[in-house]
Amino acid sequence: MDAGATAVAAVEAFQDAGKPVPPINGEDQLDFLRLWKDKTLTAIAPTYPTYQWRTPIIAAIRILNGEQVSSPWKLPQPTVTQDNLDKYVDANMPPLHYAMCGCTDLPGYPQRWK
């Protein structure tokens, strides 16, 4: 898993060494997305890890409803790219917040996540 926080540390290591930052992979964690946007990095942010907790639940519900689940089971998730980065950078949320937390429809959002 390439978490946003560790991707930020990797970018900072290149910067501290005075080296160009290579294309980098991170997650949809806001500290990484903000750094990516601010520094115009060449990056990508797959979002699958944030969805891991609910993947088996979605599969189980589909099975219980008599629906087919592909084998191997893989829940397709969006990927943050340069083209849609602005959609996921949220200035109102803290740095460790995941843009695709799956929590935006839960009671108390966004106050409980700030």
PDB file of N, CA and C in Angstrom:
ATOM      1  N   MET A   1       0.843  -1.173   0.000  1.00  0.00           N
ATOM      2  CA  MET A   1       0.000   0.000   0.000  1.00  0.00           C
ATOM      3  C   MET A   1       0.886   1.233   0.000  1.00  0.00           C
ATOM      4  N   ASP A   2       0.600   2.144  -0.862  1.00  0.00           N
ATOM      5  CA  ASP A   2       1.340   3.409  -0.911  1.00  0.00           C
ATOM      6  C   ASP A   2       0.483   4.498  -0.295  1.00  0.00           C
ATOM      7  N   ALA A   3       0.540   4.614   1.014  1.00  0.00           N
ATOM      8  CA  ALA A   3      -0.285   5.582   1.716  1.00  0.00           C
ATOM      9  C   ALA A   3       0.178   7.002   1.407  1.00  0.00           C
ATOM     10  N   GLY A   4      -0.749   7.924   1.499  1.00  0.00           N
ATOM     11  CA  GLY A   4      -0.441   9.322   1.214  1.00  0.00           C
ATOM     12  C   GLY A   4       0.659   9.877   2.081  1.00  0.00           C
ATOM     13  N   ALA A   5       0.625   9.554   3.377  1.00  0.00           N
ATOM     14  CA  ALA A   5       1.632  10.101   4.295  1.00  0.00           C
ATOM     15  C   ALA A   5       3.035   9.640   3.922  1.00  0.00           C
ATOM     16  N   THR A   6       3.203   8.379   3.562  1.00  0.00           N
ATOM     17  CA  THR A   6       4.532   7.907   3.183  1.00  0.00           C
ATOM     18  C   THR A   6       4.936   8.434   1.818  1.00  0.00           C
ATOM     19  N   ALA A   7       3.978   8.656   0.943  1.00  0.00           N
ATOM     20  CA  ALA A   7       4.301   9.257  -0.350  1.00  0.00           C
ATOM     21  C   ALA A   7       4.792  10.692  -0.150  1.00  0.00           C
ATOM     22  N   VAL A   8       4.190  11.403   0.785  1.00  0.00           N
ATOM     23  CA  VAL A   8       4.640  12.766   1.093  1.00  0.00           C
ATOM     24  C   VAL A   8       6.071  12.736   1.609  1.00  0.00           C
ATOM     25  N   ALA A   9       6.378  11.800   2.501  1.00  0.00           N
ATOM     26  CA  ALA A   9       7.745  11.684   3.031  1.00  0.00           C
ATOM     27  C   ALA A   9       8.737  11.372   1.920  1.00  0.00           C
ATOM     28  N   ALA A  10       8.346  10.534   0.968  1.00  0.00           N
ATOM     29  CA  ALA A  10       9.229  10.207  -0.158  1.00  0.00           C
ATOM     30  C   ALA A  10       9.489  11.448  -1.011  1.00  0.00           C
ATOM     31  N   VAL A  11       8.445  12.209  -1.292  1.00  0.00           N
ATOM     32  CA  VAL A  11       8.608  13.449  -2.069  1.00  0.00           C
ATOM     33  C   VAL A  11       9.545  14.394  -1.330  1.00  0.00           C
ATOM     34  N   GLU A  12       9.343  14.545  -0.031  1.00  0.00           N
ATOM     35  CA  GLU A  12      10.190  15.450   0.756  1.00  0.00           C
ATOM     36  C   GLU A  12      11.641  14.991   0.783  1.00  0.00           C
ATOM     37  N   ALA A  13      11.890  13.697   0.754  1.00  0.00           N
ATOM     38  CA  ALA A  13      13.260  13.185   0.724  1.00  0.00           C
ATOM     39  C   ALA A  13      13.954  13.607  -0.571  1.00  0.00           C
ATOM     40  N   PHE A  14      13.254  13.503  -1.684  1.00  0.00           N
ATOM     41  CA  PHE A  14      13.831  13.962  -2.955  1.00  0.00           C
ATOM     42  C   PHE A  14      14.080  15.466  -2.909  1.00  0.00           C
ATOM     43  N   GLN A  15      13.111  16.210  -2.386  1.00  0.00           N
ATOM     44  CA  GLN A  15      13.271  17.664  -2.303  1.00  0.00           C
ATOM     45  C   GLN A  15      14.453  18.037  -1.407  1.00  0.00           C
ATOM     46  N   ASP A  16      14.560  17.384  -0.246  1.00  0.00           N
ATOM     47  CA  ASP A  16      15.660  17.667   0.678  1.00  0.00           C
ATOM     48  C   ASP A  16      17.016  17.354   0.051  1.00  0.00           C
ATOM     49  N   ALA A  17      17.043  16.354  -0.829  1.00  0.00           N
ATOM     50  CA  ALA A  17      18.291  15.981  -1.496  1.00  0.00           C
ATOM     51  C   ALA A  17      18.559  16.851  -2.723  1.00  0.00           C
ATOM     52  N   GLY A  18      17.623  17.751  -3.037  1.00  0.00           N
ATOM     53  CA  GLY A  18      17.800  18.612  -4.202  1.00  0.00           C
ATOM     54  C   GLY A  18      17.627  17.872  -5.519  1.00  0.00           C
ATOM     55  N   LYS A  19      16.930  16.774  -5.494  1.00  0.00           N
ATOM     56  CA  LYS A  19      16.726  15.938  -6.687  1.00  0.00           C
ATOM     57  C   LYS A  19      15.305  16.134  -7.217  1.00  0.00           C
ATOM     58  N   PRO A  20      15.129  15.925  -8.523  1.00  0.00           N
ATOM     59  CA  PRO A  20      13.767  16.001  -9.056  1.00  0.00           C
ATOM     60  C   PRO A  20      12.924  14.839  -8.522  1.00  0.00           C
ATOM     61  N   VAL A  21      11.671  15.115  -8.287  1.00  0.00           N
ATOM     62  CA  VAL A  21      10.761  14.077  -7.789  1.00  0.00           C
ATOM     63  C   VAL A  21      10.315  13.235  -8.983  1.00  0.00           C
ATOM     64  N   PRO A  22      10.555  11.930  -8.921  1.00  0.00           N
ATOM     65  CA  PRO A  22      10.131  11.070 -10.035  1.00  0.00           C
ATOM     66  C   PRO A  22       8.608  10.905 -10.018  1.00  0.00           C
ATOM     67  N   PRO A  23       8.032  10.352 -11.061  1.00  0.00           N
ATOM     68  CA  PRO A  23       6.605  10.025 -11.005  1.00  0.00           C
ATOM     69  C   PRO A  23       6.361   9.172  -9.758  1.00  0.00           C
ATOM     70  N   ILE A  24       5.294   9.491  -9.050  1.00  0.00           N
ATOM     71  CA  ILE A  24       5.078   8.850  -7.755  1.00  0.00           C
ATOM     72  C   ILE A  24       3.630   8.389  -7.604  1.00  0.00           C
ATOM     73  N   ASN A  25       3.473   7.361  -6.815  1.00  0.00           N
ATOM     74  CA  ASN A  25       2.172   6.780  -6.519  1.00  0.00           C
ATOM     75  C   ASN A  25       1.849   7.046  -5.057  1.00  0.00           C
ATOM     76  N   GLY A  26       0.659   7.506  -4.797  1.00  0.00           N
ATOM     77  CA  GLY A  26       0.204   7.705  -3.420  1.00  0.00           C
ATOM     78  C   GLY A  26      -1.247   7.293  -3.347  1.00  0.00           C
ATOM     79  N   GLU A  27      -1.885   7.598  -2.254  1.00  0.00           N
ATOM     80  CA  GLU A  27      -3.311   7.321  -2.129  1.00  0.00           C
ATOM     81  C   GLU A  27      -4.074   8.629  -2.169  1.00  0.00           C
ATOM     82  N   ASP A  28      -5.350   8.520  -1.876  1.00  0.00           N
ATOM     83  CA  ASP A  28      -6.213   9.691  -1.898  1.00  0.00           C
ATOM     84  C   ASP A  28      -6.214  10.425  -0.566  1.00  0.00           C
ATOM     85  N   GLN A  29      -5.144  10.272   0.210  1.00  0.00           N
ATOM     86  CA  GLN A  29      -5.002  11.004   1.466  1.00  0.00           C
ATOM     87  C   GLN A  29      -4.706  12.462   1.125  1.00  0.00           C
ATOM     88  N   LEU A  30      -5.380  13.377   1.810  1.00  0.00           N
ATOM     89  CA  LEU A  30      -5.320  14.783   1.413  1.00  0.00           C
ATOM     90  C   LEU A  30      -3.938  15.406   1.494  1.00  0.00           C
ATOM     91  N   ASP A  31      -3.090  14.984   2.430  1.00  0.00           N
ATOM     92  CA  ASP A  31      -1.754  15.583   2.461  1.00  0.00           C
ATOM     93  C   ASP A  31      -1.000  15.286   1.167  1.00  0.00           C
ATOM     94  N   PHE A  32      -1.161  14.087   0.632  1.00  0.00           N
ATOM     95  CA  PHE A  32      -0.520  13.753  -0.641  1.00  0.00           C
ATOM     96  C   PHE A  32      -1.165  14.510  -1.797  1.00  0.00           C
ATOM     97  N   LEU A  33      -2.492  14.559  -1.820  1.00  0.00           N
ATOM     98  CA  LEU A  33      -3.184  15.252  -2.924  1.00  0.00           C
ATOM     99  C   LEU A  33      -2.837  16.733  -2.951  1.00  0.00           C
ATOM    100  N   ARG A  34      -2.745  17.345  -1.773  1.00  0.00           N
ATOM    101  CA  ARG A  34      -2.390  18.781  -1.716  1.00  0.00           C
ATOM    102  C   ARG A  34      -0.953  19.016  -2.186  1.00  0.00           C
ATOM    103  N   LEU A  35      -0.025  18.163  -1.743  1.00  0.00           N
ATOM    104  CA  LEU A  35       1.362  18.294  -2.173  1.00  0.00           C
ATOM    105  C   LEU A  35       1.468  18.113  -3.682  1.00  0.00           C
ATOM    106  N   TRP A  36       0.778  17.124  -4.199  1.00  0.00           N
ATOM    107  CA  TRP A  36       0.751  16.854  -5.632  1.00  0.00           C
ATOM    108  C   TRP A  36       0.294  18.099  -6.392  1.00  0.00           C
ATOM    109  N   LYS A  37      -0.799  18.677  -5.929  1.00  0.00           N
ATOM    110  CA  LYS A  37      -1.335  19.868  -6.601  1.00  0.00           C
ATOM    111  C   LYS A  37      -0.393  21.067  -6.453  1.00  0.00           C
ATOM    112  N   ASP A  38       0.088  21.306  -5.235  1.00  0.00           N
ATOM    113  CA  ASP A  38       0.951  22.466  -4.983  1.00  0.00           C
ATOM    114  C   ASP A  38       2.279  22.396  -5.726  1.00  0.00           C
ATOM    115  N   LYS A  39       2.842  21.192  -5.855  1.00  0.00           N
ATOM    116  CA  LYS A  39       4.158  21.025  -6.484  1.00  0.00           C
ATOM    117  C   LYS A  39       4.066  20.544  -7.928  1.00  0.00           C
ATOM    118  N   THR A  40       2.854  20.411  -8.444  1.00  0.00           N
ATOM    119  CA  THR A  40       2.611  19.940  -9.811  1.00  0.00           C
ATOM    120  C   THR A  40       3.424  18.669 -10.089  1.00  0.00           C
ATOM    121  N   LEU A  41       3.227  17.683  -9.243  1.00  0.00           N
ATOM    122  CA  LEU A  41       3.938  16.421  -9.383  1.00  0.00           C
ATOM    123  C   LEU A  41       3.364  15.597 -10.535  1.00  0.00           C
ATOM    124  N   THR A  42       4.147  14.677 -11.021  1.00  0.00           N
ATOM    125  CA  THR A  42       3.646  13.643 -11.926  1.00  0.00           C
ATOM    126  C   THR A  42       3.292  12.485 -11.009  1.00  0.00           C
ATOM    127  N   ALA A  43       1.999  12.235 -10.874  1.00  0.00           N
ATOM    128  CA  ALA A  43       1.563  11.270  -9.865  1.00  0.00           C
ATOM    129  C   ALA A  43       0.266  10.596 -10.273  1.00  0.00           C
ATOM    130  N   ILE A  44      -0.090   9.615  -9.473  1.00  0.00           N
ATOM    131  CA  ILE A  44      -1.366   8.921  -9.602  1.00  0.00           C
ATOM    132  C   ILE A  44      -1.747   8.466  -8.197  1.00  0.00           C
ATOM    133  N   ALA A  45      -3.032   8.373  -7.933  1.00  0.00           N
ATOM    134  CA  ALA A  45      -3.476   7.944  -6.608  1.00  0.00           C
ATOM    135  C   ALA A  45      -4.593   6.913  -6.742  1.00  0.00           C
ATOM    136  N   PRO A  46      -4.226   5.638  -6.797  1.00  0.00           N
ATOM    137  CA  PRO A  46      -5.261   4.611  -6.767  1.00  0.00           C
ATOM    138  C   PRO A  46      -5.992   4.686  -5.433  1.00  0.00           C
ATOM    139  N   THR A  47      -7.249   4.358  -5.424  1.00  0.00           N
ATOM    140  CA  THR A  47      -8.038   4.522  -4.202  1.00  0.00           C
ATOM    141  C   THR A  47      -8.504   3.214  -3.606  1.00  0.00           C
ATOM    142  N   TYR A  48      -8.090   2.102  -4.133  1.00  0.00           N
ATOM    143  CA  TYR A  48      -8.562   0.805  -3.644  1.00  0.00           C
ATOM    144  C   TYR A  48      -8.327   0.588  -2.152  1.00  0.00           C
ATOM    145  N   PRO A  49      -7.145   0.907  -1.570  1.00  0.00           N
ATOM    146  CA  PRO A  49      -6.922   0.602  -0.163  1.00  0.00           C
ATOM    147  C   PRO A  49      -7.968   1.203   0.769  1.00  0.00           C
ATOM    148  N   THR A  50      -8.461   2.384   0.461  1.00  0.00           N
ATOM    149  CA  THR A  50      -9.447   3.006   1.321  1.00  0.00           C
ATOM    150  C   THR A  50     -10.761   2.237   1.314  1.00  0.00           C
ATOM    151  N   TYR A  51     -11.013   1.505   0.254  1.00  0.00           N
ATOM    152  CA  TYR A  51     -12.263   0.778   0.119  1.00  0.00           C
ATOM    153  C   TYR A  51     -12.168  -0.660   0.632  1.00  0.00           C
ATOM    154  N   GLN A  52     -11.003  -1.096   1.084  1.00  0.00           N
ATOM    155  CA  GLN A  52     -10.843  -2.491   1.482  1.00  0.00           C
ATOM    156  C   GLN A  52     -11.831  -2.909   2.556  1.00  0.00           C
ATOM    157  N   TRP A  53     -12.118  -2.047   3.487  1.00  0.00           N
ATOM    158  CA  TRP A  53     -12.987  -2.422   4.599  1.00  0.00           C
ATOM    159  C   TRP A  53     -14.379  -2.782   4.132  1.00  0.00           C
ATOM    160  N   ARG A  54     -14.860  -2.185   3.055  1.00  0.00           N
ATOM    161  CA  ARG A  54     -16.232  -2.495   2.664  1.00  0.00           C
ATOM    162  C   ARG A  54     -16.340  -3.446   1.485  1.00  0.00           C
ATOM    163  N   THR A  55     -15.234  -3.798   0.868  1.00  0.00           N
ATOM    164  CA  THR A  55     -15.271  -4.721  -0.262  1.00  0.00           C
ATOM    165  C   THR A  55     -15.920  -6.053   0.106  1.00  0.00           C
ATOM    166  N   PRO A  56     -15.543  -6.705   1.220  1.00  0.00           N
ATOM    167  CA  PRO A  56     -16.186  -7.975   1.542  1.00  0.00           C
ATOM    168  C   PRO A  56     -17.660  -7.807   1.906  1.00  0.00           C
ATOM    169  N   ILE A  57     -18.016  -6.671   2.460  1.00  0.00           N
ATOM    170  CA  ILE A  57     -19.423  -6.429   2.797  1.00  0.00           C
ATOM    171  C   ILE A  57     -20.257  -6.320   1.524  1.00  0.00           C
ATOM    172  N   ILE A  58     -19.749  -5.578   0.543  1.00  0.00           N
ATOM    173  CA  ILE A  58     -20.458  -5.431  -0.735  1.00  0.00           C
ATOM    174  C   ILE A  58     -20.584  -6.791  -1.413  1.00  0.00           C
ATOM    175  N   ALA A  59     -19.514  -7.566  -1.402  1.00  0.00           N
ATOM    176  CA  ALA A  59     -19.561  -8.902  -2.007  1.00  0.00           C
ATOM    177  C   ALA A  59     -20.589  -9.773  -1.301  1.00  0.00           C
ATOM    178  N   ALA A  60     -20.597  -9.756   0.022  1.00  0.00           N
ATOM    179  CA  ALA A  60     -21.543 -10.580   0.784  1.00  0.00           C
ATOM    180  C   ALA A  60     -22.985 -10.189   0.484  1.00  0.00           C
ATOM    181  N   ILE A  61     -23.260  -8.905   0.417  1.00  0.00           N
ATOM    182  CA  ILE A  61     -24.620  -8.447   0.108  1.00  0.00           C
ATOM    183  C   ILE A  61     -25.037  -8.916  -1.276  1.00  0.00           C
ATOM    184  N   ARG A  62     -24.114  -8.822  -2.235  1.00  0.00           N
ATOM    185  CA  ARG A  62     -24.436  -9.300  -3.587  1.00  0.00           C
ATOM    186  C   ARG A  62     -24.726 -10.802  -3.585  1.00  0.00           C
ATOM    187  N   ILE A  63     -23.920 -11.569  -2.871  1.00  0.00           N
ATOM    188  CA  ILE A  63     -24.123 -13.029  -2.801  1.00  0.00           C
ATOM    189  C   ILE A  63     -25.463 -13.336  -2.146  1.00  0.00           C
ATOM    190  N   LEU A  64     -25.760 -12.664  -1.031  1.00  0.00           N
ATOM    191  CA  LEU A  64     -27.028 -12.899  -0.339  1.00  0.00           C
ATOM    192  C   LEU A  64     -28.236 -12.493  -1.183  1.00  0.00           C
ATOM    193  N   ASN A  65     -28.036 -11.543  -2.086  1.00  0.00           N
ATOM    194  CA  ASN A  65     -29.102 -11.125  -2.995  1.00  0.00           C
ATOM    195  C   ASN A  65     -29.172 -11.992  -4.246  1.00  0.00           C
ATOM    196  N   GLY A  66     -28.331 -13.024  -4.296  1.00  0.00           N
ATOM    197  CA  GLY A  66     -28.343 -13.936  -5.431  1.00  0.00           C
ATOM    198  C   GLY A  66     -27.640 -13.400  -6.659  1.00  0.00           C
ATOM    199  N   GLU A  67     -26.855 -12.350  -6.493  1.00  0.00           N
ATOM    200  CA  GLU A  67     -26.125 -11.764  -7.618  1.00  0.00           C
ATOM    201  C   GLU A  67     -24.776 -12.447  -7.785  1.00  0.00           C
ATOM    202  N   GLN A  68     -24.273 -12.443  -9.004  1.00  0.00           N
ATOM    203  CA  GLN A  68     -22.957 -13.009  -9.287  1.00  0.00           C
ATOM    204  C   GLN A  68     -21.868 -12.059  -8.783  1.00  0.00           C
ATOM    205  N   VAL A  69     -20.825 -12.648  -8.265  1.00  0.00           N
ATOM    206  CA  VAL A  69     -19.632 -11.904  -7.872  1.00  0.00           C
ATOM    207  C   VAL A  69     -18.490 -12.493  -8.681  1.00  0.00           C
ATOM    208  N   SER A  70     -17.750 -11.641  -9.357  1.00  0.00           N
ATOM    209  CA  SER A  70     -16.680 -12.124 -10.224  1.00  0.00           C
ATOM    210  C   SER A  70     -15.595 -12.834  -9.416  1.00  0.00           C
ATOM    211  N   SER A  71     -14.880 -13.709 -10.100  1.00  0.00           N
ATOM    212  CA  SER A  71     -13.771 -14.406  -9.475  1.00  0.00           C
ATOM    213  C   SER A  71     -12.544 -14.219 -10.353  1.00  0.00           C
ATOM    214  N   PRO A  72     -11.475 -13.608  -9.880  1.00  0.00           N
ATOM    215  CA  PRO A  72     -11.347 -13.101  -8.525  1.00  0.00           C
ATOM    216  C   PRO A  72     -12.199 -11.848  -8.321  1.00  0.00           C
ATOM    217  N   TRP A  73     -12.584 -11.634  -7.090  1.00  0.00           N
ATOM    218  CA  TRP A  73     -13.396 -10.471  -6.745  1.00  0.00           C
ATOM    219  C   TRP A  73     -12.516  -9.230  -6.693  1.00  0.00           C
ATOM    220  N   LYS A  74     -12.903  -8.252  -7.444  1.00  0.00           N
ATOM    221  CA  LYS A  74     -12.193  -6.968  -7.421  1.00  0.00           C
ATOM    222  C   LYS A  74     -13.220  -5.883  -7.597  1.00  0.00           C
ATOM    223  N   LEU A  75     -13.307  -5.014  -6.638  1.00  0.00           N
ATOM    224  CA  LEU A  75     -14.243  -3.909  -6.706  1.00  0.00           C
ATOM    225  C   LEU A  75     -13.561  -2.739  -7.411  1.00  0.00           C
ATOM    226  N   PRO A  76     -14.001  -2.394  -8.607  1.00  0.00           N
ATOM    227  CA  PRO A  76     -13.349  -1.286  -9.313  1.00  0.00           C
ATOM    228  C   PRO A  76     -13.534   0.027  -8.555  1.00  0.00           C
ATOM    229  N   GLN A  77     -12.473   0.771  -8.465  1.00  0.00           N
ATOM    230  CA  GLN A  77     -12.525   2.048  -7.765  1.00  0.00           C
ATOM    231  C   GLN A  77     -11.941   3.131  -8.658  1.00  0.00           C
ATOM    232  N   PRO A  78     -12.358   4.355  -8.427  1.00  0.00           N
ATOM    233  CA  PRO A  78     -11.793   5.458  -9.213  1.00  0.00           C
ATOM    234  C   PRO A  78     -10.327   5.676  -8.873  1.00  0.00           C
ATOM    235  N   THR A  79      -9.631   6.304  -9.767  1.00  0.00           N
ATOM    236  CA  THR A  79      -8.237   6.661  -9.572  1.00  0.00           C
ATOM    237  C   THR A  79      -8.109   8.169  -9.711  1.00  0.00           C
ATOM    238  N   VAL A  80      -7.385   8.793  -8.802  1.00  0.00           N
ATOM    239  CA  VAL A  80      -7.136  10.226  -8.893  1.00  0.00           C
ATOM    240  C   VAL A  80      -6.004  10.426  -9.894  1.00  0.00           C
ATOM    241  N   THR A  81      -6.247  11.265 -10.884  1.00  0.00           N
ATOM    242  CA  THR A  81      -5.246  11.602 -11.899  1.00  0.00           C
ATOM    243  C   THR A  81      -5.128  13.117 -11.973  1.00  0.00           C
ATOM    244  N   GLN A  82      -4.205  13.590 -12.766  1.00  0.00           N
ATOM    245  CA  GLN A  82      -4.056  15.032 -12.945  1.00  0.00           C
ATOM    246  C   GLN A  82      -5.360  15.654 -13.446  1.00  0.00           C
ATOM    247  N   ASP A  83      -6.100  14.908 -14.264  1.00  0.00           N
ATOM    248  CA  ASP A  83      -7.335  15.435 -14.844  1.00  0.00           C
ATOM    249  C   ASP A  83      -8.453  15.640 -13.830  1.00  0.00           C
ATOM    250  N   ASN A  84      -8.482  14.848 -12.755  1.00  0.00           N
ATOM    251  CA  ASN A  84      -9.575  14.993 -11.790  1.00  0.00           C
ATOM    252  C   ASN A  84      -9.097  15.352 -10.381  1.00  0.00           C
ATOM    253  N   LEU A  85      -7.826  15.708 -10.232  1.00  0.00           N
ATOM    254  CA  LEU A  85      -7.240  16.018  -8.929  1.00  0.00           C
ATOM    255  C   LEU A  85      -8.024  17.086  -8.177  1.00  0.00           C
ATOM    256  N   ASP A  86      -8.397  18.165  -8.842  1.00  0.00           N
ATOM    257  CA  ASP A  86      -9.103  19.262  -8.169  1.00  0.00           C
ATOM    258  C   ASP A  86     -10.407  18.803  -7.525  1.00  0.00           C
ATOM    259  N   LYS A  87     -11.034  17.808  -8.099  1.00  0.00           N
ATOM    260  CA  LYS A  87     -12.297  17.279  -7.567  1.00  0.00           C
ATOM    261  C   LYS A  87     -12.113  16.676  -6.170  1.00  0.00           C
ATOM    262  N   TYR A  88     -10.915  16.172  -5.873  1.00  0.00           N
ATOM    263  CA  TYR A  88     -10.687  15.447  -4.636  1.00  0.00           C
ATOM    264  C   TYR A  88      -9.936  16.234  -3.567  1.00  0.00           C
ATOM    265  N   VAL A  89      -9.321  17.351  -3.918  1.00  0.00           N
ATOM    266  CA  VAL A  89      -8.616  18.167  -2.932  1.00  0.00           C
ATOM    267  C   VAL A  89      -9.657  18.992  -2.180  1.00  0.00           C
ATOM    268  N   ASP A  90      -9.778  18.773  -0.878  1.00  0.00           N
ATOM    269  CA  ASP A  90     -10.785  19.454  -0.057  1.00  0.00           C
ATOM    270  C   ASP A  90     -10.068  20.265   1.020  1.00  0.00           C
ATOM    271  N   ALA A  91     -10.073  21.575   0.862  1.00  0.00           N
ATOM    272  CA  ALA A  91      -9.376  22.456   1.795  1.00  0.00           C
ATOM    273  C   ALA A  91     -10.004  22.447   3.185  1.00  0.00           C
ATOM    274  N   ASN A  92     -11.216  21.958   3.309  1.00  0.00           N
ATOM    275  CA  ASN A  92     -11.915  21.973   4.595  1.00  0.00           C
ATOM    276  C   ASN A  92     -11.651  20.755   5.463  1.00  0.00           C
ATOM    277  N   MET A  93     -10.957  19.766   4.912  1.00  0.00           N
ATOM    278  CA  MET A  93     -10.712  18.547   5.673  1.00  0.00           C
ATOM    279  C   MET A  93      -9.240  18.468   6.084  1.00  0.00           C
ATOM    280  N   PRO A  94      -8.944  17.722   7.170  1.00  0.00           N
ATOM    281  CA  PRO A  94      -7.557  17.634   7.660  1.00  0.00           C
ATOM    282  C   PRO A  94      -6.668  16.812   6.724  1.00  0.00           C
ATOM    283  N   PRO A  95      -5.346  16.945   6.879  1.00  0.00           N
ATOM    284  CA  PRO A  95      -4.398  16.289   5.979  1.00  0.00           C
ATOM    285  C   PRO A  95      -4.520  14.768   5.912  1.00  0.00           C
ATOM    286  N   LEU A  96      -4.870  14.109   7.001  1.00  0.00           N
ATOM    287  CA  LEU A  96      -4.918  12.654   6.997  1.00  0.00           C
ATOM    288  C   LEU A  96      -6.261  12.095   6.533  1.00  0.00           C
ATOM    289  N   HIS A  97      -7.150  12.961   6.121  1.00  0.00           N
ATOM    290  CA  HIS A  97      -8.463  12.533   5.614  1.00  0.00           C
ATOM    291  C   HIS A  97      -8.301  11.928   4.223  1.00  0.00           C
ATOM    292  N   TYR A  98      -9.021  10.854   3.967  1.00  0.00           N
ATOM    293  CA  TYR A  98      -9.016  10.233   2.640  1.00  0.00           C
ATOM    294  C   TYR A  98     -10.174  10.797   1.820  1.00  0.00           C
ATOM    295  N   ALA A  99      -9.858  11.305   0.651  1.00  0.00           N
ATOM    296  CA  ALA A  99     -10.857  11.949  -0.197  1.00  0.00           C
ATOM    297  C   ALA A  99     -12.012  11.009  -0.523  1.00  0.00           C
ATOM    298  N   MET A 100     -11.732   9.731  -0.684  1.00  0.00           N
ATOM    299  CA  MET A 100     -12.781   8.768  -1.014  1.00  0.00           C
ATOM    300  C   MET A 100     -13.029   7.829   0.154  1.00  0.00           C
ATOM    301  N   CYS A 101     -13.275   8.421   1.311  1.00  0.00           N
ATOM    302  CA  CYS A 101     -13.454   7.641   2.532  1.00  0.00           C
ATOM    303  C   CYS A 101     -14.728   6.807   2.522  1.00  0.00           C
ATOM    304  N   GLY A 102     -15.661   7.156   1.682  1.00  0.00           N
ATOM    305  CA  GLY A 102     -16.941   6.466   1.705  1.00  0.00           C
ATOM    306  C   GLY A 102     -17.811   6.952   2.843  1.00  0.00           C
ATOM    307  N   CYS A 103     -17.422   8.055   3.460  1.00  0.00           N
ATOM    308  CA  CYS A 103     -18.121   8.541   4.644  1.00  0.00           C
ATOM    309  C   CYS A 103     -18.968   9.783   4.375  1.00  0.00           C
ATOM    310  N   THR A 104     -18.951  10.284   3.185  1.00  0.00           N
ATOM    311  CA  THR A 104     -19.629  11.561   2.911  1.00  0.00           C
ATOM    312  C   THR A 104     -21.141  11.498   3.085  1.00  0.00           C
ATOM    313  N   ASP A 105     -21.718  10.311   3.050  1.00  0.00           N
ATOM    314  CA  ASP A 105     -23.161  10.175   3.248  1.00  0.00           C
ATOM    315  C   ASP A 105     -23.528   9.757   4.670  1.00  0.00           C
ATOM    316  N   LEU A 106     -22.535   9.620   5.541  1.00  0.00           N
ATOM    317  CA  LEU A 106     -22.801   9.191   6.912  1.00  0.00           C
ATOM    318  C   LEU A 106     -23.226  10.376   7.781  1.00  0.00           C
ATOM    319  N   PRO A 107     -24.032  10.109   8.831  1.00  0.00           N
ATOM    320  CA  PRO A 107     -24.441  11.190   9.729  1.00  0.00           C
ATOM    321  C   PRO A 107     -23.228  11.869  10.354  1.00  0.00           C
ATOM    322  N   GLY A 108     -23.273  13.162  10.453  1.00  0.00           N
ATOM    323  CA  GLY A 108     -22.200  13.918  11.092  1.00  0.00           C
ATOM    324  C   GLY A 108     -21.067  14.322  10.176  1.00  0.00           C
ATOM    325  N   TYR A 109     -21.164  13.949   8.886  1.00  0.00           N
ATOM    326  CA  TYR A 109     -20.106  14.356   7.951  1.00  0.00           C
ATOM    327  C   TYR A 109     -20.394  15.779   7.516  1.00  0.00           C
ATOM    328  N   PRO A 110     -19.434  16.663   7.475  1.00  0.00           N
ATOM    329  CA  PRO A 110     -17.998  16.459   7.682  1.00  0.00           C
ATOM    330  C   PRO A 110     -17.512  16.775   9.085  1.00  0.00           C
ATOM    331  N   GLN A 111     -18.375  17.275   9.957  1.00  0.00           N
ATOM    332  CA  GLN A 111     -17.935  17.728  11.272  1.00  0.00           C
ATOM    333  C   GLN A 111     -17.161  16.667  12.052  1.00  0.00           C
ATOM    334  N   ARG A 112     -17.631  15.433  12.082  1.00  0.00           N
ATOM    335  CA  ARG A 112     -16.954  14.393  12.853  1.00  0.00           C
ATOM    336  C   ARG A 112     -15.601  13.995  12.249  1.00  0.00           C
ATOM    337  N   TRP A 113     -15.351  14.373  11.017  1.00  0.00           N
ATOM    338  CA  TRP A 113     -14.104  14.000  10.345  1.00  0.00           C
ATOM    339  C   TRP A 113     -13.092  15.124  10.363  1.00  0.00           C
ATOM    340  N   LYS A 114     -13.432  16.271  10.930  1.00  0.00           N
ATOM    341  CA  LYS A 114     -12.502  17.403  10.937  1.00  0.00           C
ATOM    342  C   LYS A 114     -11.603  17.353  12.146  1.00  0.00           C
TER     343      LYS A 114
END
